[in-house]
C-alpha atoms as a PDB file:
ATOM      1  CA  MET A   1      -7.505  61.350  97.023  1.00  0.00           C
ATOM      2  CA  GLY A   2      -6.149  63.807  94.468  1.00  0.00           C
ATOM      3  CA  ARG A   3      -2.635  62.780  95.312  1.00  0.00           C
ATOM      4  CA  ASN A   4      -3.468  59.120  94.654  1.00  0.00           C
ATOM      5  CA  ILE A   5      -4.924  59.930  91.225  1.00  0.00           C
ATOM      6  CA  PHE A   6      -1.778  61.877  90.311  1.00  0.00           C
ATOM      7  CA  ILE A   7       0.453  58.985  91.353  1.00  0.00           C
ATOM      8  CA  CYS A   8      -1.557  56.488  89.304  1.00  0.00           C
ATOM      9  CA  ALA A   9      -1.479  58.708  86.184  1.00  0.00           C
ATOM     10  CA  GLY A  10       2.238  59.193  86.458  1.00  0.00           C
ATOM     11  CA  GLY A  11       2.766  55.464  86.814  1.00  0.00           C
ATOM     12  CA  GLY A  12       0.765  54.775  83.615  1.00  0.00           C
ATOM     13  CA  VAL A  13       2.848  57.209  81.593  1.00  0.00           C
ATOM     14  CA  LEU A  14       6.032  55.634  82.929  1.00  0.00           C
ATOM     15  CA  LEU A  15       4.884  52.127  81.927  1.00  0.00           C
ATOM     16  CA  LEU A  16       3.971  53.314  78.403  1.00  0.00           C
ATOM     17  CA  ALA A  17       7.351  54.949  77.907  1.00  0.00           C
ATOM     18  CA  LEU A  18       9.133  51.851  79.168  1.00  0.00           C
ATOM     19  CA  GLY A  19       7.177  49.600  76.703  1.00  0.00           C
ATOM     20  CA  MET A  20       8.078  51.762  73.698  1.00  0.00           C
ATOM     21  CA  ALA A  21      11.737  51.733  74.691  1.00  0.00           C
ATOM     22  CA  VAL A  22      11.760  47.910  74.837  1.00  0.00           C
ATOM     23  CA  PHE A  23      10.099  47.651  71.363  1.00  0.00           C
ATOM     24  CA  ILE A  24      12.663  49.986  69.749  1.00  0.00           C
ATOM     25  CA  PHE A  25      15.531  48.056  71.356  1.00  0.00           C
ATOM     26  CA  ILE A  26      14.287  44.694  70.009  1.00  0.00           C
ATOM     27  CA  ALA A  27      13.718  46.085  66.480  1.00  0.00           C
ATOM     28  CA  LYS A  28      17.269  47.504  66.313  1.00  0.00           C
ATOM     29  CA  LYS A  29      18.692  44.212  67.545  1.00  0.00           C
ATOM     30  CA  ASN A  30      16.925  42.233  64.782  1.00  0.00           C
ATOM     31  CA  THR A  31      18.177  44.630  62.157  1.00  0.00           C
ATOM     32  CA  SER A  32      21.780  44.379  63.326  1.00  0.00           C
ATOM     33  CA  GLN A  33      21.649  40.556  63.353  1.00  0.00           C
ATOM     34  CA  THR A  34      20.166  40.054  59.853  1.00  0.00           C
ATOM     35  CA  GLY A  35      21.904  42.916  58.112  1.00  0.00           C
ATOM     36  CA  ARG A  36      18.725  43.995  56.342  1.00  0.00           C
ATOM     37  CA  VAL A  37      15.362  45.455  57.124  1.00  0.00           C
ATOM     38  CA  PRO A  38      12.589  42.829  56.831  1.00  0.00           C
ATOM     39  CA  ARG A  39      10.805  43.063  53.462  1.00  0.00           C
ATOM     40  CA  VAL A  40       7.238  44.147  53.415  1.00  0.00           C
ATOM     41  CA  GLU A  41       4.909  42.072  51.210  1.00  0.00           C
ATOM     42  CA  THR A  42       3.027  44.589  49.093  1.00  0.00           C
ATOM     43  CA  GLY A  43       1.913  42.264  46.285  1.00  0.00           C
ATOM     44  CA  GLU A  44       4.261  44.065  43.851  1.00  0.00           C
ATOM     45  CA  ALA A  45       7.208  42.342  42.140  1.00  0.00           C
ATOM     46  CA  GLN A  46      10.448  42.687  44.036  1.00  0.00           C
ATOM     47  CA  PRO A  47      13.806  43.303  42.340  1.00  0.00           C
ATOM     48  CA  GLY A  48      15.877  40.187  41.704  1.00  0.00           C
ATOM     49  CA  PRO A  49      19.307  39.462  43.159  1.00  0.00           C
ATOM     50  CA  GLN A  50      22.139  41.662  42.019  1.00  0.00           C
ATOM     51  CA  HIS A  51      25.491  40.308  40.750  1.00  0.00           C
ATOM     52  CA  GLU A  52      28.399  40.659  43.074  1.00  0.00           C
ATOM     53  CA  THR A  53      31.170  43.049  42.114  1.00  0.00           C
ATOM     54  CA  ARG A  54      34.700  41.745  41.653  1.00  0.00           C
ATOM     55  CA  GLY A  55      37.714  43.342  43.237  1.00  0.00           C
ATOM     56  CA  ASP A  56      38.530  45.110  39.988  1.00  0.00           C
ATOM     57  CA  GLY A  57      35.155  46.834  40.047  1.00  0.00           C
ATOM     58  CA  GLU A  58      33.673  44.859  37.133  1.00  0.00           C
ATOM     59  CA  THR A  59      30.556  42.726  37.345  1.00  0.00           C
ATOM     60  CA  PRO A  60      31.260  39.048  36.489  1.00  0.00           C
ATOM     61  CA  ALA A  61      29.409  37.520  33.531  1.00  0.00           C
ATOM     62  CA  ASP A  62      26.215  35.558  34.046  1.00  0.00           C
ATOM     63  CA  PRO A  63      27.399  31.888  34.236  1.00  0.00           C
ATOM     64  CA  VAL A  64      24.200  30.615  32.557  1.00  0.00           C
ATOM     65  CA  ALA A  65      24.589  32.948  29.580  1.00  0.00           C
ATOM     66  CA  THR A  66      28.309  32.174  29.360  1.00  0.00           C
ATOM     67  CA  ASN A  67      27.730  28.404  29.277  1.00  0.00           C
ATOM     68  CA  ALA A  68      25.042  28.754  26.603  1.00  0.00           C
ATOM     69  CA  ALA A  69      27.366  30.823  24.419  1.00  0.00           C
ATOM     70  CA  ALA A  70      30.187  28.310  24.834  1.00  0.00           C
ATOM     71  CA  THR A  71      27.890  25.449  23.869  1.00  0.00           C
ATOM     72  CA  ALA A  72      26.723  27.285  20.757  1.00  0.00           C
ATOM     73  CA  ALA A  73      30.302  27.932  19.707  1.00  0.00           C
ATOM     74  CA  ALA A  74      31.219  24.287  20.195  1.00  0.00           C
ATOM     75  CA  ASN A  75      28.242  23.086  18.188  1.00  0.00           C
ATOM     76  CA  THR A  76      28.871  25.339  15.217  1.00  0.00           C
ATOM     77  CA  GLY A  77      32.647  25.383  15.330  1.00  0.00           C
ATOM     78  CA  ALA A  78      32.456  29.079  14.560  1.00  0.00           C
ATOM     79  CA  GLU A  79      33.147  32.245  16.498  1.00  0.00           C
ATOM     80  CA  LEU A  80      30.191  33.990  18.073  1.00  0.00           C
ATOM     81  CA  THR A  81      29.595  36.891  15.770  1.00  0.00           C
ATOM     82  CA  GLY A  82      25.968  37.474  16.591  1.00  0.00           C
ATOM     83  CA  GLY A  83      24.699  35.511  13.563  1.00  0.00           C
ATOM     84  CA  GLU A  84      24.727  32.057  11.926  1.00  0.00           C
ATOM     85  CA  PRO A  85      27.682  30.898   9.793  1.00  0.00           C
ATOM     86  CA  ASP A  86      27.319  31.511   6.072  1.00  0.00           C
ATOM     87  CA  LYS A  87      26.221  28.093   4.809  1.00  0.00           C
ATOM     88  CA  THR A  88      26.373  29.285   1.198  1.00  0.00           C
ATOM     89  CA  ASP A  89      30.099  30.039   1.412  1.00  0.00           C
ATOM     90  CA  ALA A  90      30.798  26.646   2.997  1.00  0.00           C
ATOM     91  CA  LEU A  91      28.811  24.927   0.261  1.00  0.00           C
ATOM     92  CA  LYS A  92      30.672  26.797  -2.472  1.00  0.00           C
ATOM     93  CA  ALA A  93      34.008  25.766  -0.985  1.00  0.00           C
ATOM     94  CA  PHE A  94      32.936  22.136  -0.809  1.00  0.00           C
ATOM     95  CA  LEU A  95      31.734  22.160  -4.418  1.00  0.00           C
ATOM     96  CA  GLU A  96      34.783  23.920  -5.822  1.00  0.00           C
ATOM     97  CA  GLU A  97      36.568  20.815  -7.136  1.00  0.00           C
ATOM     98  CA  TRP A  98      33.332  19.475  -8.585  1.00  0.00           C
ATOM     99  CA  GLN A  99      32.681  22.767 -10.376  1.00  0.00           C
ATOM    100  CA  ASN A 100      36.222  22.847 -11.755  1.00  0.00           C
ATOM    101  CA  ALA A 101      35.735  19.359 -13.191  1.00  0.00           C
ATOM    102  CA  MET A 102      32.440  20.432 -14.738  1.00  0.00           C
ATOM    103  CA  ASP A 103      34.053  23.538 -16.244  1.00  0.00           C
ATOM    104  CA  ASP A 104      36.835  21.391 -17.738  1.00  0.00           C
ATOM    105  CA  ASN A 105      34.248  18.889 -19.038  1.00  0.00           C
ATOM    106  CA  ASP A 106      36.411  16.106 -17.613  1.00  0.00           C
ATOM    107  CA  ASP A 107      34.137  13.051 -17.380  1.00  0.00           C
ATOM    108  CA  ALA A 108      36.458  11.048 -15.123  1.00  0.00           C
ATOM    109  CA  ARG A 109      36.858  13.895 -12.631  1.00  0.00           C
ATOM    110  CA  ILE A 110      33.159  14.724 -12.763  1.00  0.00           C
ATOM    111  CA  HIS A 111      32.358  11.107 -11.925  1.00  0.00           C
ATOM    112  CA  ALA A 112      34.884  11.054  -9.065  1.00  0.00           C
ATOM    113  CA  GLU A 113      33.784  14.369  -7.559  1.00  0.00           C
ATOM    114  CA  SER A 114      30.092  13.555  -7.961  1.00  0.00           C
ATOM    115  CA  ALA A 115      30.693  10.259  -6.174  1.00  0.00           C
ATOM    116  CA  LYS A 116      31.957  12.289  -3.199  1.00  0.00           C
ATOM    117  CA  LEU A 117      28.960  14.608  -3.272  1.00  0.00           C
ATOM    118  CA  MET A 118      26.421  11.779  -3.341  1.00  0.00           C
ATOM    119  CA  LYS A 119      27.564  10.743   0.170  1.00  0.00           C
ATOM    120  CA  HIS A 120      27.208  14.226   1.655  1.00  0.00           C
ATOM    121  CA  PRO A 121      24.576  14.635   4.426  1.00  0.00           C
ATOM    122  CA  ASP A 122      23.148  17.812   2.868  1.00  0.00           C
ATOM    123  CA  PRO A 123      20.519  17.011   0.187  1.00  0.00           C
ATOM    124  CA  GLU A 124      21.360  20.261  -1.613  1.00  0.00           C
ATOM    125  CA  VAL A 125      24.881  18.934  -2.149  1.00  0.00           C
ATOM    126  CA  ARG A 126      23.594  15.555  -3.320  1.00  0.00           C
ATOM    127  CA  LYS A 127      21.478  17.307  -5.957  1.00  0.00           C
ATOM    128  CA  HIS A 128      24.728  18.512  -7.520  1.00  0.00           C
ATOM    129  CA  ALA A 129      25.870  14.894  -7.657  1.00  0.00           C
ATOM    130  CA  VAL A 130      22.759  14.090  -9.700  1.00  0.00           C
ATOM    131  CA  ASP A 131      23.622  16.943 -12.080  1.00  0.00           C
ATOM    132  CA  GLY A 132      27.181  15.657 -12.449  1.00  0.00           C
ATOM    133  CA  PHE A 133      26.184  12.068 -13.200  1.00  0.00           C
ATOM    134  CA  ALA A 134      23.532  13.239 -15.652  1.00  0.00           C
ATOM    135  CA  TRP A 135      26.118  15.432 -17.413  1.00  0.00           C
ATOM    136  CA  ILE A 136      28.389  12.497 -18.266  1.00  0.00           C
ATOM    137  CA  GLY A 137      25.553  10.538 -19.868  1.00  0.00           C
ATOM    138  CA  LEU A 138      25.637   6.759 -19.926  1.00  0.00           C
ATOM    139  CA  LYS A 139      28.711   6.710 -17.685  1.00  0.00           C
ATOM    140  CA  GLY A 140      26.574   8.089 -14.878  1.00  0.00           C
ATOM    141  CA  LEU A 141      23.674   5.627 -15.182  1.00  0.00           C
ATOM    142  CA  VAL A 142      24.799   3.217 -12.452  1.00  0.00           C
ATOM    143  CA  PRO A 143      25.254   5.854  -9.711  1.00  0.00           C
ATOM    144  CA  LEU A 144      22.046   7.565 -10.822  1.00  0.00           C
ATOM    145  CA  ALA A 145      20.228   4.255 -10.326  1.00  0.00           C
ATOM    146  CA  GLU A 146      21.625   4.146  -6.791  1.00  0.00           C
ATOM    147  CA  MET A 147      20.537   7.724  -6.116  1.00  0.00           C
ATOM    148  CA  MET A 148      16.973   6.847  -7.046  1.00  0.00           C
ATOM    149  CA  TYR A 149      16.873   5.407  -3.512  1.00  0.00           C
ATOM    150  CA  ASP A 150      18.140   8.589  -1.829  1.00  0.00           C
ATOM    151  CA  ARG A 151      16.573   9.258   1.576  1.00  0.00           C
ATOM    152  CA  ASP A 152      15.514  12.721   0.412  1.00  0.00           C
ATOM    153  CA  PRO A 153      12.432  12.439  -1.873  1.00  0.00           C
ATOM    154  CA  GLU A 154      13.429  15.399  -4.032  1.00  0.00           C
ATOM    155  CA  VAL A 155      16.941  14.097  -4.622  1.00  0.00           C
ATOM    156  CA  ALA A 156      15.555  10.628  -5.420  1.00  0.00           C
ATOM    157  CA  ARG A 157      13.052  12.080  -7.880  1.00  0.00           C
ATOM    158  CA  ASN A 158      15.702  14.203  -9.613  1.00  0.00           C
ATOM    159  CA  ALA A 159      17.885  11.128  -9.983  1.00  0.00           C
ATOM    160  CA  ALA A 160      15.005   9.089 -11.413  1.00  0.00           C
ATOM    161  CA  GLU A 161      14.178  11.733 -14.008  1.00  0.00           C
ATOM    162  CA  ALA A 162      17.810  12.031 -15.104  1.00  0.00           C
ATOM    163  CA  TRP A 163      18.203   8.248 -15.176  1.00  0.00           C
ATOM    164  CA  LEU A 164      15.066   7.691 -17.272  1.00  0.00           C
ATOM    165  CA  GLU A 165      16.155  10.352 -19.736  1.00  0.00           C
ATOM    166  CA  GLU A 166      19.580   8.782 -20.193  1.00  0.00           C
ATOM    167  CA  ILE A 167      18.408   5.176 -20.422  1.00  0.00           C
ATOM    168  CA  ALA A 168      16.032   6.044 -23.234  1.00  0.00           C
ATOM    169  CA  ASP A 169      19.100   6.658 -25.431  1.00  0.00           C
ATOM    170  CA  MET A 170      20.693   3.257 -24.781  1.00  0.00           C
ATOM    171  CA  LYS A 171      20.938   1.092 -27.897  1.00  0.00           C
ATOM    172  CA  ASP A 172      22.240  -2.175 -26.453  1.00  0.00           C
ATOM    173  CA  ASP A 173      19.224  -4.114 -25.157  1.00  0.00           C
ATOM    174  CA  ALA A 174      21.163  -6.494 -22.912  1.00  0.00           C
ATOM    175  CA  SER A 175      22.953  -3.613 -21.158  1.00  0.00           C
ATOM    176  CA  LYS A 176      19.710  -1.703 -20.910  1.00  0.00           C
ATOM    177  CA  ALA A 177      18.017  -4.705 -19.276  1.00  0.00           C
ATOM    178  CA  GLU A 178      20.808  -4.954 -16.691  1.00  0.00           C
ATOM    179  CA  ILE A 179      20.550  -1.267 -15.832  1.00  0.00           C
ATOM    180  CA  LEU A 180      16.772  -1.555 -15.490  1.00  0.00           C
ATOM    181  CA  GLY A 181      17.235  -4.525 -13.194  1.00  0.00           C
ATOM    182  CA  LEU A 182      19.777  -2.612 -11.111  1.00  0.00           C
ATOM    183  CA  ALA A 183      17.330   0.229 -10.652  1.00  0.00           C
ATOM    184  CA  GLY A 184      14.712  -2.235  -9.441  1.00  0.00           C
ATOM    185  CA  ALA A 185      16.970  -4.098  -7.031  1.00  0.00           C
ATOM    186  CA  ASN A 186      15.129  -2.566  -4.060  1.00  0.00           C
ATOM    187  CA  VAL A 187      11.871  -1.902  -5.827  1.00  0.00           C
ATOM    188  CA  ASP A 188       9.767  -1.381  -2.703  1.00  0.00           C
ATOM    189  CA  ARG A 189      11.829   1.693  -1.801  1.00  0.00           C
ATOM    190  CA  LEU A 190      10.846   3.460  -5.013  1.00  0.00           C
ATOM    191  CA  ASP A 191       7.965   5.916  -4.929  1.00  0.00           C
ATOM    192  CA  GLU A 192       4.883   5.037  -6.966  1.00  0.00           C
ATOM    193  CA  GLU A 193       5.659   7.418  -9.814  1.00  0.00           C
ATOM    194  CA  THR A 194       9.208   6.142 -10.260  1.00  0.00           C
ATOM    195  CA  PHE A 195       8.067   2.523 -10.018  1.00  0.00           C
ATOM    196  CA  ALA A 196       5.451   3.041 -12.745  1.00  0.00           C
ATOM    197  CA  GLU A 197       8.021   4.686 -15.031  1.00  0.00           C
ATOM    198  CA  LEU A 198      10.541   1.918 -14.404  1.00  0.00           C
ATOM    199  CA  LEU A 199       8.012  -0.791 -15.242  1.00  0.00           C
ATOM    200  CA  ALA A 200       7.000   1.065 -18.409  1.00  0.00           C
ATOM    201  CA  ALA A 201      10.657   1.249 -19.503  1.00  0.00           C
ATOM    202  CA  PHE A 202      10.704  -2.553 -19.871  1.00  0.00           C
ATOM    203  CA  ASP A 203       8.417  -2.145 -22.874  1.00  0.00           C
ATOM    204  CA  GLU A 204      11.422  -0.778 -24.759  1.00  0.00           C
ATOM    205  CA  ILE A 205      13.428  -4.017 -24.617  1.00  0.00           C
ATOM    206  CA  PRO A 206      12.723  -7.545 -25.951  1.00  0.00           C
ATOM    207  CA  GLU A 207      10.273  -9.575 -23.895  1.00  0.00           C
ATOM    208  CA  HIS A 208      12.671 -12.352 -22.957  1.00  0.00           C
ATOM    209  CA  LEU A 209      15.021  -9.792 -21.363  1.00  0.00           C
ATOM    210  CA  ALA A 210      12.195  -7.848 -19.763  1.00  0.00           C
ATOM    211  CA  ALA A 211      10.633 -10.972 -18.238  1.00  0.00           C
ATOM    212  CA  GLN A 212      13.892 -11.981 -16.536  1.00  0.00           C
ATOM    213  CA  GLN A 213      14.364  -8.595 -14.867  1.00  0.00           C
ATOM    214  CA  ILE A 214      10.725  -8.064 -13.885  1.00  0.00           C
ATOM    215  CA  TYR A 215      10.626 -11.560 -12.379  1.00  0.00           C
ATOM    216  CA  ALA A 216      13.741 -10.809 -10.344  1.00  0.00           C
ATOM    217  CA  MET A 217      12.095  -7.629  -9.029  1.00  0.00           C
ATOM    218  CA  LEU A 218       8.885  -9.519  -8.264  1.00  0.00           C
ATOM    219  CA  GLN A 219      10.678 -12.006  -6.028  1.00  0.00           C
ATOM    220  CA  THR A 220      12.081  -9.257  -3.794  1.00  0.00           C
ATOM    221  CA  SER A 221       8.897  -7.208  -3.394  1.00  0.00           C
ATOM    222  CA  GLN A 222       6.605  -7.174  -0.379  1.00  0.00           C
ATOM    223  CA  ASN A 223       4.402  -4.370  -1.702  1.00  0.00           C
ATOM    224  CA  PRO A 224       0.992  -5.834  -2.726  1.00  0.00           C
ATOM    225  CA  SER A 225       0.320  -3.047  -5.208  1.00  0.00           C
ATOM    226  CA  TYR A 226       3.715  -3.408  -6.900  1.00  0.00           C
ATOM    227  CA  ILE A 227       3.386  -7.206  -6.949  1.00  0.00           C
ATOM    228  CA  GLU A 228       0.034  -6.959  -8.698  1.00  0.00           C
ATOM    229  CA  GLU A 229       1.400  -4.577 -11.343  1.00  0.00           C
ATOM    230  CA  MET A 230       4.463  -6.741 -12.024  1.00  0.00           C
ATOM    231  CA  LEU A 231       2.262  -9.852 -12.327  1.00  0.00           C
ATOM    232  CA  ASP A 232       0.121  -7.986 -14.864  1.00  0.00           C
ATOM    233  CA  ALA A 233       3.233  -7.124 -16.878  1.00  0.00           C
ATOM    234  CA  LEU A 234       4.492 -10.707 -16.778  1.00  0.00           C
ATOM    235  CA  GLN A 235       1.073 -12.092 -17.616  1.00  0.00           C
ATOM    236  CA  PHE A 236       1.047  -9.930 -20.758  1.00  0.00           C
ATOM    237  CA  ILE A 237       4.412 -11.418 -21.764  1.00  0.00           C
ATOM    238  CA  VAL A 238       3.865 -15.040 -20.739  1.00  0.00           C
ATOM    239  CA  GLN A 239       0.215 -15.369 -21.806  1.00  0.00           C
ATOM    240  CA  PRO A 240      -0.567 -18.203 -19.362  1.00  0.00           C
ATOM    241  CA  ASP A 241      -3.574 -20.496 -19.651  1.00  0.00           C
ATOM    242  CA  GLU A 242      -4.897 -19.165 -16.342  1.00  0.00           C
ATOM    243  CA  PRO A 243      -4.608 -15.507 -15.221  1.00  0.00           C
ATOM    244  CA  PHE A 244      -2.055 -14.915 -12.477  1.00  0.00           C
ATOM    245  CA  GLY A 245      -4.401 -12.933 -10.263  1.00  0.00           C
ATOM    246  CA  GLU A 246      -3.360 -10.377  -7.675  1.00  0.00           C
ATOM    247  CA  THR A 247      -0.986 -12.533  -5.600  1.00  0.00           C
ATOM    248  CA  PHE A 248       2.203 -14.373  -6.456  1.00  0.00           C
ATOM    249  CA  THR A 249       1.128 -18.028  -6.398  1.00  0.00           C
ATOM    250  CA  LEU A 250       3.080 -21.231  -7.045  1.00  0.00           C
ATOM    251  CA  ALA A 251       1.169 -21.628 -10.302  1.00  0.00           C
ATOM    252  CA  ALA A 252       2.282 -18.175 -11.449  1.00  0.00           C
ATOM    253  CA  LYS A 253       5.863 -18.892 -10.366  1.00  0.00           C
ATOM    254  CA  LYS A 254       5.936 -22.129 -12.375  1.00  0.00           C
ATOM    255  CA  ALA A 255       4.449 -20.544 -15.500  1.00  0.00           C
ATOM    256  CA  ILE A 256       6.856 -17.605 -15.438  1.00  0.00           C
ATOM    257  CA  GLU A 257       9.960 -19.735 -14.882  1.00  0.00           C
ATOM    258  CA  GLU A 258       8.999 -22.161 -17.643  1.00  0.00           C
ATOM    259  CA  TRP A 259       8.480 -19.285 -20.089  1.00  0.00           C
ATOM    260  CA  ILE A 260      11.813 -17.657 -19.171  1.00  0.00           C
ATOM    261  CA  GLU A 261      13.650 -20.981 -19.579  1.00  0.00           C
ATOM    262  CA  GLN A 262      12.100 -21.599 -22.981  1.00  0.00           C
ATOM    263  CA  ASN A 263      12.817 -18.093 -24.260  1.00  0.00           C
ATOM    264  CA  LYS A 264      16.046 -17.108 -22.509  1.00  0.00           C
ATOM    265  CA  ASN A 265      18.076 -17.453 -25.702  1.00  0.00           C
ATOM    266  CA  ASN A 266      15.506 -15.780 -27.918  1.00  0.00           C
ATOM    267  CA  PRO A 267      17.508 -13.765 -30.493  1.00  0.00           C
ATOM    268  CA  VAL A 268      16.971  -9.998 -30.690  1.00  0.00           C
ATOM    269  CA  GLU A 269      15.376  -8.989 -33.953  1.00  0.00           C
ATOM    270  CA  ASP A 270      17.419  -6.639 -36.091  1.00  0.00           C
ATOM    271  CA  GLU A 271      15.043  -3.739 -36.687  1.00  0.00           C
ATOM    272  CA  ASP A 272      17.672  -1.936 -38.769  1.00  0.00           C
ATOM    273  CA  ASP A 273      17.879  -4.756 -41.309  1.00  0.00           C
ATOM    274  CA  ASP A 274      16.868  -3.195 -44.630  1.00  0.00           C
ATOM    275  CA  GLU A 275      17.021  -6.423 -46.562  1.00  0.00           C
END
């Protein structure tokens, strides 16, 4: 009996030892096949992949960062110096010829250089064009009228202010009427303040000239508010039997055209006549 118990106990120990040996053998085999010890999920962040090392011992650059840097260089056309290119220096270089013309007070060169600046995509550059055209006085009125329609509101407003200041000094009424009409060629694109000032400027010229230009502006407008204001101005000049109202009707069209035809050759009174 005792011998049987001893044999059974010895057999159990032998089986346990054999099982542990098999487990260790399988674990070593898995490690040798995968080349790494299986990771244990602990819930903590694991380190990311490491860059491979080149044969020269240096770590190659991150391709994502390299591509981004190359794109930035291509977009700016400048070397990567860790900061943005100096826009002020580039602007100064672009404006150099314009500034030289201004310093020399050369109207022809100022006009030519300002004409270049007015086409520049940077509104800060186009503001200098306004300054140049304003500097040469009446010679700059036509381009200033064009710049009143600049896509940048501040540039357009600066041009309008300079234009209105210069046109106030014009003495020839016929020329003044033409310039006013030019400024109103695309009247709906003017902001409300500029439109109101333009319409008020027609008070400074004879009615027969003003009526022709205001009527031309009226026919191109699709802005109900501007149409109403121009009809009011024409109604004051024409003095029709029936008020024009708020919309441009056939009756208003007929009355305005008849008045313009009857008064188109109306002579300008000589206010300087001392006799």
